[in-house]
Protein backbone atom coordinates (compact mmCIF):
# COMPACT_ATOMS: atom_id res chain seq x y z
CA MET A 1 37.72 62.74 37.45
CA LYS A 2 35.32 60.34 37.09
CA PHE A 3 33.24 58.49 39.22
CA VAL A 4 30.16 55.20 38.83
CA LEU A 5 26.89 55.88 39.89
CA PHE A 6 23.44 53.94 39.26
CA PHE A 7 20.94 55.57 37.61
CA VAL A 8 17.49 53.97 37.81
CA LEU A 9 14.94 54.09 34.90
CA PHE A 10 11.78 51.92 34.90
CA GLY A 11 12.40 48.28 33.88
CA SER A 12 16.37 48.72 33.99
CA ILE A 13 19.26 50.06 35.97
CA ASN A 14 22.59 51.48 34.04
CA LEU A 15 25.73 51.75 35.76
CA ILE A 16 27.26 55.02 34.50
CA ALA A 17 31.03 56.38 33.98
CA GLN A 18 29.88 60.00 35.05
CA ASP A 19 31.84 62.46 32.48
CA PRO A 20 31.39 65.34 32.59
CA ILE A 21 30.94 66.08 36.27
CA VAL A 22 28.38 69.05 36.24
CA TYR A 23 27.02 70.74 39.44
CA ASN A 24 24.20 73.29 39.98
CA LEU A 25 24.07 76.71 41.24
CA GLU A 26 22.20 77.92 43.98
CA TRP A 27 21.16 80.70 45.97
CA HIS A 28 21.95 81.41 49.30
CA GLU A 29 21.45 83.42 52.35
CA GLU A 30 23.14 83.79 55.13
CA TYR A 31 21.66 83.33 58.46
CA ASN A 32 23.52 85.84 60.19
CA GLY A 33 22.70 89.38 58.63
CA GLY A 34 20.95 88.22 55.50
CA LYS A 35 24.15 88.31 53.13
CA VAL A 36 23.07 86.71 50.01
CA HIS A 37 25.77 84.84 47.91
CA HIS A 38 25.80 81.79 45.23
CA LEU A 39 27.23 78.75 45.94
CA ILE A 40 28.53 75.86 44.01
CA SER A 41 28.14 72.50 46.39
CA LEU A 42 30.99 70.06 45.94
CA SER A 43 29.50 67.75 49.17
CA ASP A 44 27.67 65.28 46.36
CA GLN A 45 31.54 64.22 45.46
CA TYR A 46 33.38 65.18 48.61
CA ARG A 47 31.75 63.39 51.50
CA LEU A 48 32.74 64.89 54.99
CA SER A 49 33.88 62.54 57.60
CA ASP A 50 34.92 63.12 60.93
CA HIS A 51 38.03 61.40 60.69
CA GLU A 52 41.14 63.80 61.57
CA ASP A 53 42.84 63.13 57.97
CA SER A 54 39.69 63.41 55.65
CA SER A 55 37.68 66.15 57.36
CA ALA A 56 37.96 69.58 55.34
CA VAL A 57 35.98 71.39 58.61
CA PRO A 58 38.18 72.36 61.45
CA THR A 59 36.98 70.72 64.55
CA ASP A 60 37.61 73.65 66.63
CA ILE A 61 35.21 75.89 64.69
CA ILE A 62 32.46 73.77 64.55
CA ARG A 63 32.80 72.97 68.55
CA PRO A 64 34.28 75.93 69.77
CA GLU A 65 34.49 76.24 73.21
CA GLU A 66 32.26 79.29 73.55
CA GLY A 67 29.35 80.45 71.44
CA PRO A 68 27.64 78.91 68.52
CA ALA A 69 29.36 77.38 66.00
CA PRO A 70 29.34 79.62 62.48
CA ASN A 71 27.04 79.19 59.91
CA SER A 72 29.30 79.86 57.04
CA PHE A 73 33.20 80.50 57.15
CA LYS A 74 36.37 80.27 54.41
CA LEU A 75 38.35 77.21 54.10
CA LYS A 76 41.89 78.23 53.85
CA GLY A 77 45.60 76.30 54.19
CA ILE A 78 45.47 72.89 54.53
CA TYR A 79 41.66 72.73 54.47
CA ARG A 80 41.16 74.00 51.30
CA LYS A 81 44.06 72.11 49.78
CA ARG A 82 42.66 68.68 51.33
CA CYS A 83 39.27 69.06 49.82
CA LEU A 84 40.53 70.20 46.41
CA ASN A 85 43.00 67.31 46.33
CA ALA A 86 40.10 65.02 47.03
CA LEU A 87 38.15 66.19 44.27
CA ASN A 88 41.17 66.37 41.52
CA ILE A 89 40.55 70.13 41.21
CA SER A 90 43.46 72.50 40.83
CA GLU A 91 43.96 76.00 41.50
CA ASN A 92 44.68 76.75 37.96
CA ASP A 93 41.60 74.92 36.71
CA VAL A 94 38.39 76.63 35.70
CA VAL A 95 34.82 76.99 36.51
CA TYR A 96 32.60 76.88 33.87
CA VAL A 97 29.52 78.25 34.37
CA TYR A 98 26.53 77.86 31.80
CA ASP A 99 23.13 79.28 31.27
CA TYR A 100 21.90 76.96 28.27
CA ALA A 101 18.42 78.49 28.16
CA GLN A 102 20.21 81.98 27.42
CA ASP A 103 23.43 80.80 25.94
CA LYS A 104 25.45 82.52 28.70
CA LEU A 105 28.95 81.12 29.43
CA LEU A 106 31.08 82.59 32.62
CA ARG A 107 34.55 81.79 33.42
CA PHE A 108 36.32 81.82 37.00
CA TYR A 109 39.70 80.43 37.83
CA VAL A 110 39.44 78.19 40.95
CA ARG A 111 42.33 80.24 42.38
CA GLY A 112 40.32 83.11 42.87
CA LEU A 113 36.97 81.54 44.20
CA GLU A 114 36.50 81.27 48.04
CA LEU A 115 35.83 77.75 49.09
CA ALA A 116 33.38 78.05 52.23
CA ALA A 117 31.78 75.78 54.40
CA VAL A 118 28.37 76.39 54.79
CA MET A 119 25.41 74.88 57.38
CA SER A 120 23.59 72.45 55.19
CA HIS A 121 19.61 73.07 55.21
CA TYR A 122 19.33 69.70 56.58
CA SER A 123 21.09 70.34 59.82
CA SER A 124 18.96 70.08 63.10
CA GLY A 125 21.05 73.33 64.47
CA ASP A 126 21.68 71.90 67.48
CA TYR A 127 25.19 73.20 68.07
CA GLN A 128 25.83 70.83 70.61
CA TYR A 129 25.78 67.94 68.32
CA LEU A 130 26.97 69.22 64.99
CA SER A 131 29.48 67.31 63.00
CA GLN A 132 31.43 67.50 59.78
CA ARG A 133 28.25 66.24 57.78
CA ASP A 134 26.12 69.48 59.23
CA TYR A 135 28.29 71.55 56.46
CA ARG A 136 28.18 71.66 52.64
CA ILE A 137 31.65 72.43 50.90
CA GLY A 138 31.49 74.85 47.85
CA PHE A 139 32.52 77.65 46.08
CA LYS A 140 30.97 80.81 46.49
CA ILE A 141 30.29 82.97 43.67
CA ASN A 142 29.78 86.84 43.87
CA PRO A 143 25.86 88.03 42.83
CA LYS A 144 27.76 90.86 40.88
CA TYR A 145 28.70 88.48 38.18
CA LEU A 146 25.82 87.12 37.52
CA THR A 147 23.91 89.92 36.04
CA GLY A 148 21.49 88.95 33.27
CA PHE A 149 20.99 85.23 34.88
CA LYS A 150 17.44 84.41 36.37
CA PRO A 151 16.55 83.90 39.53
CA TYR A 152 16.82 80.15 40.71
CA TYR A 153 19.57 79.03 37.98
CA THR A 154 16.90 76.24 37.09
CA HIS A 155 18.86 76.30 33.53
CA VAL A 156 22.32 76.77 34.82
CA LEU A 157 25.00 73.80 35.01
CA VAL A 158 28.51 74.08 36.29
CA ALA A 159 31.65 71.92 35.11
CA ILE A 160 34.99 72.39 36.54
CA GLY A 161 38.41 71.20 34.86
CA LYS A 162 41.18 72.70 32.71
CA THR A 163 38.57 72.78 29.05
CA ASN A 164 34.90 73.59 28.55
CA PRO A 165 32.84 70.92 28.13
CA PHE A 166 29.71 72.94 26.94
CA THR A 167 28.65 73.80 23.66
CA GLN A 168 27.13 77.02 23.50
CA GLY A 169 24.10 77.69 21.12
CA LYS A 170 22.60 74.15 20.29
CA MET A 171 20.11 73.63 23.35
CA LYS A 172 16.72 74.35 22.21
CA ALA A 173 13.13 74.86 24.03
CA ILE A 174 11.04 71.93 23.07
CA ASN A 175 8.04 73.19 21.40
CA TRP A 176 5.89 70.43 21.77
CA LYS A 177 3.37 69.58 19.18
CA LYS A 178 0.05 67.45 20.24
CA ILE A 179 -0.78 64.56 17.98
CA ASP A 180 -3.05 61.67 18.30
CA ASN A 181 -2.33 58.77 20.69
CA ASN A 182 -2.23 55.81 18.19
CA LYS A 183 0.92 57.85 16.27
CA PHE A 184 3.05 57.36 19.49
CA PRO A 185 5.78 54.52 18.11
CA THR A 186 4.79 50.84 18.78
CA GLY A 187 7.15 47.80 19.27
CA THR A 188 8.83 50.19 22.41
CA THR A 189 10.53 48.17 24.98
CA LEU A 190 9.19 49.70 27.70
CA MET A 191 5.33 50.47 26.87
CA SER A 192 4.36 46.52 27.75
CA GLU A 193 6.16 46.95 31.49
CA ILE A 194 4.42 50.39 31.87
CA LYS A 195 0.91 48.97 31.19
CA TYR A 196 1.52 45.77 33.14
CA GLU A 197 3.30 47.07 36.18
CA GLU A 198 1.52 50.11 36.43
CA LYS A 199 -2.06 49.27 34.82
CA CYS A 200 -1.85 52.66 33.16
CA ILE A 201 -3.30 54.08 30.13
CA PRO A 202 -1.97 56.57 27.81
CA MET A 203 -3.39 60.28 28.08
CA GLU A 204 -2.18 62.72 25.53
CA THR A 205 0.63 62.22 23.14
CA TYR A 206 3.01 65.02 21.78
CA GLN A 207 6.34 65.10 19.31
CA PHE A 208 9.27 67.50 18.97
CA GLU A 209 11.69 67.44 16.08
CA LEU A 210 15.20 67.50 16.61
CA ASP A 211 17.58 67.56 13.41
CA ASP A 212 16.96 63.94 12.05
CA MET A 213 15.06 62.69 14.91
CA THR A 214 11.74 62.66 16.46
CA ILE A 215 11.05 62.88 19.94
CA TYR A 216 7.62 61.42 21.25
CA LEU A 217 6.14 62.04 24.41
CA GLN A 218 2.92 60.37 25.94
CA ASN A 219 1.55 61.12 29.30
CA ILE A 220 1.08 58.27 31.11
CA GLY A 221 -2.22 58.05 33.40
CA LEU A 222 -3.39 56.12 36.59
CA ASN A 223 -6.93 56.64 37.71
CA GLY A 224 -7.35 59.35 35.65
CA ASN A 225 -4.35 61.49 36.78
CA LEU A 226 -0.69 62.00 35.45
CA SER A 227 1.58 59.17 36.63
CA GLY A 228 4.49 59.39 34.16
CA ARG A 229 5.76 60.06 30.73
CA HIS A 230 6.98 57.89 28.15
CA ILE A 231 9.72 59.32 25.94
CA THR A 232 10.53 57.35 22.79
CA ILE A 233 13.15 59.12 20.03
CA ILE A 234 13.21 57.70 16.60
CA HIS A 235 15.38 58.31 13.55
CA SER A 236 13.07 60.72 11.73
CA THR A 237 13.46 58.88 8.40
CA THR A 238 14.33 54.83 8.82
CA THR A 239 11.76 55.14 11.91
CA GLU A 240 14.27 53.35 13.79
CA ILE A 241 14.18 53.35 17.35
CA ILE A 242 16.93 55.13 18.93
CA THR A 243 16.21 55.36 22.55
CA GLU A 244 13.63 55.59 25.37
CA TYR A 245 12.86 56.82 28.83
CA TYR A 246 9.95 56.57 31.24
CA PHE A 247 10.04 59.12 34.07
CA ARG A 248 7.83 58.10 36.53
CA GLY A 249 6.33 60.25 39.47
CA SER A 250 7.03 59.55 42.80
CA GLU A 251 7.19 60.79 46.63
CA GLY A 252 10.80 62.01 45.43
CA GLY A 253 9.54 64.17 42.37
CA ASP A 254 6.72 64.96 39.65
CA PRO A 255 6.80 65.37 36.26
CA SER A 256 7.42 69.03 35.25
CA PRO A 257 4.57 71.12 33.16
CA LEU A 258 4.97 70.76 29.40
CA ASN A 259 6.52 73.84 27.68
CA GLY A 260 3.67 75.91 26.49
CA ILE A 261 1.05 73.07 27.45
CA HIS A 262 0.00 74.01 31.43
CA PRO A 263 -2.53 76.70 31.65
CA ASP A 264 -1.02 77.68 34.97
CA TYR A 265 2.79 77.93 34.28
CA GLY A 266 2.35 80.82 31.77
CA PRO A 267 6.11 80.98 29.58
CA TYR A 268 8.06 79.35 31.48
CA VAL A 269 10.26 76.90 30.04
CA TYR A 270 11.09 73.26 31.39
CA GLN A 271 12.09 70.66 28.53
CA PHE A 272 15.32 71.12 26.61
CA ALA A 273 16.95 69.19 24.06
CA GLY A 274 20.35 69.67 21.70
CA GLN A 275 23.83 69.10 21.79
CA LEU A 276 24.93 70.18 25.33
CA PHE A 277 28.40 68.72 25.69
CA LYS A 278 31.16 68.65 22.93
CA ASP A 279 32.08 65.36 21.77
CA LYS A 280 28.78 63.71 23.26
CA PRO A 281 25.50 62.73 21.66
CA PRO A 282 22.61 65.25 22.02
CA MET A 283 21.07 65.36 25.24
CA ILE A 284 17.21 66.02 26.83
CA LEU A 285 16.45 67.15 30.04
CA GLY A 286 13.83 69.00 32.26
CA PHE A 287 11.05 66.55 32.63
CA MET A 288 10.86 66.13 36.47
CA SER A 289 10.64 68.34 39.31
CA HIS A 290 12.21 67.17 42.12
CA SER A 291 11.88 67.22 46.02
CA PHE A 292 14.28 64.19 46.85
CA GLY A 293 17.37 63.77 45.14
CA CYS A 294 18.88 65.64 41.91
CA PRO A 295 17.93 65.75 38.49
CA GLY A 296 19.45 64.14 35.61
CA ILE A 297 20.80 65.11 31.98
CA HIS A 298 19.52 62.14 29.53
CA SER A 299 21.23 61.35 26.27
CA ILE A 300 19.78 60.67 22.75
CA GLU A 301 21.89 57.38 21.68
CA LYS A 302 21.62 53.84 21.18
CA GLU A 303 23.11 53.05 24.28
CA SER A 304 21.26 55.55 26.52
CA HIS A 305 22.73 56.68 29.50
CA SER A 306 22.00 59.46 32.16
CA ILE A 307 24.28 62.31 33.87
CA TYR A 308 23.39 63.17 37.35
CA ILE A 309 23.48 66.61 38.21
CA ASN A 310 25.56 67.31 41.76
CA CYS A 311 22.89 69.15 43.66
CA ASP A 312 23.83 68.18 47.25
CA ASN A 313 19.88 67.15 48.45
CA ARG A 314 20.71 65.01 51.28
CA HIS A 315 16.96 63.23 51.37
């Protein structure tokens, strides 16, 4: 199944046919008893509705005659079938859980996973007014199967289907090398727009070699503070500009610390590059830390595009 989204870059709006569809994996704690499990939220793709024919959450559960509604419960029978059919997911499909930082891949058959409705973090908790939209729909993963995965699953992506879309062992943590500002490629499309619209100036410049390409990163400052990052990728031999991005800080997110650069973040690694998906161009990711919205995975190719990571951030 594919879906279409708008991905906004500074100076342009790209209409994207999303393929593959990817999700995140998150740590989740039950309110009643502190039980911990891990959730692959499908709610970005399956929008809950109060209409009787489209809802996956039984009305008599979220509006019980006595007592509060449960914070989490298993979807069975017609409700499970209704949700999976809407998502074009088969019981025989496989859930692929891939940690690209550690190159760990797990596989689970859909038919073996619990599909649950879990109270959203954004719910008011007022049980008198609960609706379908106060819940998230997702697959639960038992923590015992995730031994060796790092906490919070920052570098974990999930795909669901009949074949594995991930290419293993091809993602590299970016080791930035600082260079002079005047070595940043000239003639880029976005630089004149950045300077004009933002009245910003370059701060520091870095580069990283990936196969036959060079990734340039320039921090952009406004009033002495980091405001965004301009990424330009060129062919190392021909110096042709392959693509470029501008990641701008806003209320919804800030530029992530650069790998090995920020003194307060120790050895933590944010930015990666490489062949993440089969039959797709190389990708880069990890340039923004989001408080609103979900992060993206950005392709390295002439007609650049981005893949949205479904994370059920409802801001």
